[in-house]
C-alpha atoms as a PDB file:
ATOM      1  CA  MET A   1      94.117  66.430  83.038  1.00  0.00           C
ATOM      2  CA  GLU A   2      93.402  67.900  79.624  1.00  0.00           C
ATOM      3  CA  GLU A   3      95.645  70.730  78.434  1.00  0.00           C
ATOM      4  CA  LYS A   4      93.573  73.870  77.767  1.00  0.00           C
ATOM      5  CA  ARG A   5      96.342  76.089  76.418  1.00  0.00           C
ATOM      6  CA  LYS A   6      96.054  77.105  72.788  1.00  0.00           C
ATOM      7  CA  TYR A   7      99.422  78.856  72.456  1.00  0.00           C
ATOM      8  CA  MET A   8     103.027  77.966  73.146  1.00  0.00           C
ATOM      9  CA  ARG A   9     104.212  79.101  76.565  1.00  0.00           C
ATOM     10  CA  PHE A  10     107.733  80.429  77.165  1.00  0.00           C
ATOM     11  CA  ASN A  11     109.218  80.073  80.647  1.00  0.00           C
ATOM     12  CA  LEU A  12     111.141  83.113  81.830  1.00  0.00           C
ATOM     13  CA  LEU A  13     111.641  85.003  85.049  1.00  0.00           C
ATOM     14  CA  LEU A  14     111.084  88.719  84.783  1.00  0.00           C
ATOM     15  CA  GLU A  15     110.436  91.444  87.332  1.00  0.00           C
ATOM     16  CA  ALA A  16     107.211  93.375  87.051  1.00  0.00           C
ATOM     17  CA  LEU A  17     105.176  95.908  88.987  1.00  0.00           C
ATOM     18  CA  HIS A  18     101.538  95.187  89.746  1.00  0.00           C
ATOM     19  CA  LEU A  19      99.581  98.442  89.839  1.00  0.00           C
ATOM     20  CA  SER A  20      96.692  98.477  92.292  1.00  0.00           C
ATOM     21  CA  GLY A  21      95.163 101.918  92.698  1.00  0.00           C
ATOM     22  CA  LYS A  22      98.067 104.214  93.570  1.00  0.00           C
ATOM     23  CA  LYS A  23     100.124 101.364  95.041  1.00  0.00           C
ATOM     24  CA  LYS A  24     102.816  99.434  93.139  1.00  0.00           C
ATOM     25  CA  GLU A  25     103.774  95.936  94.217  1.00  0.00           C
ATOM     26  CA  LYS A  26     106.680  93.857  92.898  1.00  0.00           C
ATOM     27  CA  VAL A  27     105.687  90.551  91.294  1.00  0.00           C
ATOM     28  CA  THR A  28     107.547  88.018  89.173  1.00  0.00           C
ATOM     29  CA  VAL A  29     106.510  86.945  85.697  1.00  0.00           C
ATOM     30  CA  SER A  30     107.125  83.197  85.396  1.00  0.00           C
ATOM     31  CA  ASP A  31     105.983  82.588  81.815  1.00  0.00           C
ATOM     32  CA  PHE A  32     104.480  84.296  78.814  1.00  0.00           C
ATOM     33  CA  SER A  33     102.272  83.240  75.891  1.00  0.00           C
ATOM     34  CA  GLN A  34     100.332  85.036  73.186  1.00  0.00           C
ATOM     35  CA  ASN A  35      97.294  85.532  75.448  1.00  0.00           C
ATOM     36  CA  GLY A  36      98.552  84.953  78.970  1.00  0.00           C
ATOM     37  CA  ILE A  37     101.165  85.685  81.581  1.00  0.00           C
ATOM     38  CA  GLY A  38     102.034  83.583  84.622  1.00  0.00           C
ATOM     39  CA  ILE A  39     102.735  85.638  87.742  1.00  0.00           C
ATOM     40  CA  ILE A  40     104.078  84.982  91.236  1.00  0.00           C
ATOM     41  CA  SER A  41     103.119  87.364  94.039  1.00  0.00           C
ATOM     42  CA  GLU A  42     103.554  87.868  97.773  1.00  0.00           C
ATOM     43  CA  ARG A  43      99.839  88.590  98.117  1.00  0.00           C
ATOM     44  CA  ALA A  44      96.764  86.575  97.191  1.00  0.00           C
ATOM     45  CA  ILE A  45      95.776  86.659  93.542  1.00  0.00           C
ATOM     46  CA  LYS A  46      92.027  86.664  93.075  1.00  0.00           C
ATOM     47  CA  LYS A  47      90.256  85.254  90.027  1.00  0.00           C
ATOM     48  CA  GLY A  48      88.448  87.990  88.103  1.00  0.00           C
ATOM     49  CA  GLU A  49      90.686  90.799  89.417  1.00  0.00           C
ATOM     50  CA  GLU A  50      91.540  93.441  86.810  1.00  0.00           C
ATOM     51  CA  VAL A  51      95.302  93.924  86.731  1.00  0.00           C
ATOM     52  CA  GLU A  52      97.807  96.302  85.167  1.00  0.00           C
ATOM     53  CA  LEU A  53     101.413  95.138  85.030  1.00  0.00           C
ATOM     54  CA  GLU A  54     104.573  96.994  84.130  1.00  0.00           C
ATOM     55  CA  LEU A  55     107.035  94.406  82.805  1.00  0.00           C
ATOM     56  CA  LEU A  56     110.664  95.363  83.324  1.00  0.00           C
ATOM     57  CA  ILE A  57     112.896  94.147  80.496  1.00  0.00           C
ATOM     58  CA  PRO A  58     116.571  94.059  81.550  1.00  0.00           C
ATOM     59  CA  GLY A  59     118.515  96.859  79.868  1.00  0.00           C
ATOM     60  CA  ASP A  60     115.374  98.782  78.889  1.00  0.00           C
ATOM     61  CA  ASN A  61     114.268 101.816  80.913  1.00  0.00           C
ATOM     62  CA  ILE A  62     110.725 101.892  79.523  1.00  0.00           C
ATOM     63  CA  PRO A  63     108.431  99.209  80.979  1.00  0.00           C
ATOM     64  CA  ILE A  64     105.946  97.197  78.928  1.00  0.00           C
ATOM     65  CA  VAL A  65     102.406  97.897  80.123  1.00  0.00           C
ATOM     66  CA  VAL A  66      99.933  95.009  80.045  1.00  0.00           C
ATOM     67  CA  THR A  67      96.348  94.955  81.298  1.00  0.00           C
ATOM     68  CA  GLY A  68      94.263  91.874  81.853  1.00  0.00           C
ATOM     69  CA  GLU A  69      92.136  89.784  84.153  1.00  0.00           C
ATOM     70  CA  ILE A  70      93.250  87.076  86.572  1.00  0.00           C
ATOM     71  CA  ALA A  71      91.995  83.782  85.104  1.00  0.00           C
ATOM     72  CA  TRP A  72      93.109  81.674  88.070  1.00  0.00           C
ATOM     73  CA  GLY A  73      95.006  82.003  91.336  1.00  0.00           C
ATOM     74  CA  ALA A  74      96.369  79.562  93.914  1.00  0.00           C
ATOM     75  CA  SER A  75      98.639  79.565  96.939  1.00  0.00           C
ATOM     76  CA  ASP A  76     102.009  77.857  96.552  1.00  0.00           C
ATOM     77  CA  ASN A  77     105.132  77.195  98.588  1.00  0.00           C
ATOM     78  CA  ILE A  78     108.143  78.398  96.622  1.00  0.00           C
ATOM     79  CA  SER A  79     111.624  77.981  98.141  1.00  0.00           C
ATOM     80  CA  GLY A  80     110.075  77.473 101.575  1.00  0.00           C
ATOM     81  CA  ARG A  81     107.999  80.661 101.413  1.00  0.00           C
ATOM     82  CA  ASP A  82     104.267  81.071 100.975  1.00  0.00           C
ATOM     83  CA  LYS A  83     103.569  82.774  97.671  1.00  0.00           C
ATOM     84  CA  TYR A  84     100.727  82.990  95.208  1.00  0.00           C
ATOM     85  CA  ARG A  85     100.641  81.972  91.568  1.00  0.00           C
ATOM     86  CA  GLY A  86      98.173  83.221  89.029  1.00  0.00           C
ATOM     87  CA  GLY A  87      97.419  83.342  85.365  1.00  0.00           C
ATOM     88  CA  LEU A  88      96.691  86.674  83.730  1.00  0.00           C
ATOM     89  CA  LYS A  89      94.552  86.642  80.593  1.00  0.00           C
ATOM     90  CA  VAL A  90      95.960  89.529  78.568  1.00  0.00           C
ATOM     91  CA  LYS A  91      93.344  92.016  77.428  1.00  0.00           C
ATOM     92  CA  ASN A  92      95.547  94.832  76.198  1.00  0.00           C
ATOM     93  CA  ILE A  93      99.186  95.265  75.243  1.00  0.00           C
ATOM     94  CA  GLY A  94     100.333  97.857  72.723  1.00  0.00           C
ATOM     95  CA  ALA A  95     101.687  96.568  69.409  1.00  0.00           C
ATOM     96  CA  SER A  96     105.178  98.017  70.021  1.00  0.00           C
ATOM     97  CA  ASP A  97     105.204  96.603  73.580  1.00  0.00           C
ATOM     98  CA  LYS A  98     104.145  93.171  72.316  1.00  0.00           C
ATOM     99  CA  ASN A  99     106.900  93.313  69.699  1.00  0.00           C
ATOM    100  CA  LYS A 100     109.458  94.312  72.342  1.00  0.00           C
ATOM    101  CA  MET A 101     108.343  91.422  74.564  1.00  0.00           C
ATOM    102  CA  LEU A 102     108.460  88.890  71.713  1.00  0.00           C
ATOM    103  CA  ASN A 103     111.956  90.083  70.732  1.00  0.00           C
ATOM    104  CA  TYR A 104     113.124  89.638  74.325  1.00  0.00           C
ATOM    105  CA  ILE A 105     111.630  86.127  74.520  1.00  0.00           C
ATOM    106  CA  TYR A 106     113.179  85.211  71.164  1.00  0.00           C
ATOM    107  CA  GLU A 107     116.629  86.388  72.287  1.00  0.00           C
ATOM    108  CA  LYS A 108     116.320  84.349  75.515  1.00  0.00           C
ATOM    109  CA  TRP A 109     115.193  81.299  73.524  1.00  0.00           C
ATOM    110  CA  LEU A 110     118.084  81.667  71.050  1.00  0.00           C
ATOM    111  CA  HIS A 111     120.585  81.982  73.892  1.00  0.00           C
ATOM    112  CA  THR A 112     119.211  78.831  75.550  1.00  0.00           C
ATOM    113  CA  LYS A 113     119.119  76.928  72.249  1.00  0.00           C
ATOM    114  CA  ASN A 114     122.702  77.873  71.392  1.00  0.00           C
ATOM    115  CA  LYS A 115     123.864  76.996  74.896  1.00  0.00           C
ATOM    116  CA  ASN A 116     122.164  73.592  74.719  1.00  0.00           C
ATOM    117  CA  SER A 117     123.405  73.003  71.168  1.00  0.00           C
ATOM    118  CA  GLY A 118     126.988  73.602  72.301  1.00  0.00           C
ATOM    119  CA  SER A 119     126.570  71.059  75.118  1.00  0.00           C
ATOM    120  CA  GLU A 120     125.204  68.463  72.672  1.00  0.00           C
ATOM    121  CA  GLU A 121     128.143  69.015  70.289  1.00  0.00           C
ATOM    122  CA  LYS A 122     130.664  68.525  73.133  1.00  0.00           C
ATOM    123  CA  SER A 123     128.845  65.356  74.183  1.00  0.00           C
ATOM    124  CA  GLU A 124     128.924  64.018  70.607  1.00  0.00           C
ATOM    125  CA  ARG A 125     132.666  64.795  70.325  1.00  0.00           C
ATOM    126  CA  ARG A 126     133.373  62.899  73.569  1.00  0.00           C
ATOM    127  CA  LYS A 127     131.447  59.885  72.246  1.00  0.00           C
ATOM    128  CA  GLY A 128     133.425  59.956  68.985  1.00  0.00           C
ATOM    129  CA  ASN A 129     136.839  59.937  70.718  1.00  0.00           C
END
């Protein structure tokens, strides 16, 4: 299968609220790229649906608001439970919100890189002894 993605995708789990009319539903963000967001939901995700998400960054009281359109949706079994996965094509995110999101992703990436780097150094030291 040919890869259609144009931008690097960063895996992360993040809570979000899906706004539908006056109702808010909890969803999980599974990944993030320059133009898209992967989401996991308890309810069916329909292609073409207009969506507004409030992304909840840990330690920040002000959510990041993103609007977009569902590019694809599919049912999935995650940890023995029926869930739905979808891809949101981002149509609008404020510049400051995008910056906040990118800073959060960068910090997560740095933490993971440093953690992995430390494991590699320990492994190299064990080989040298």
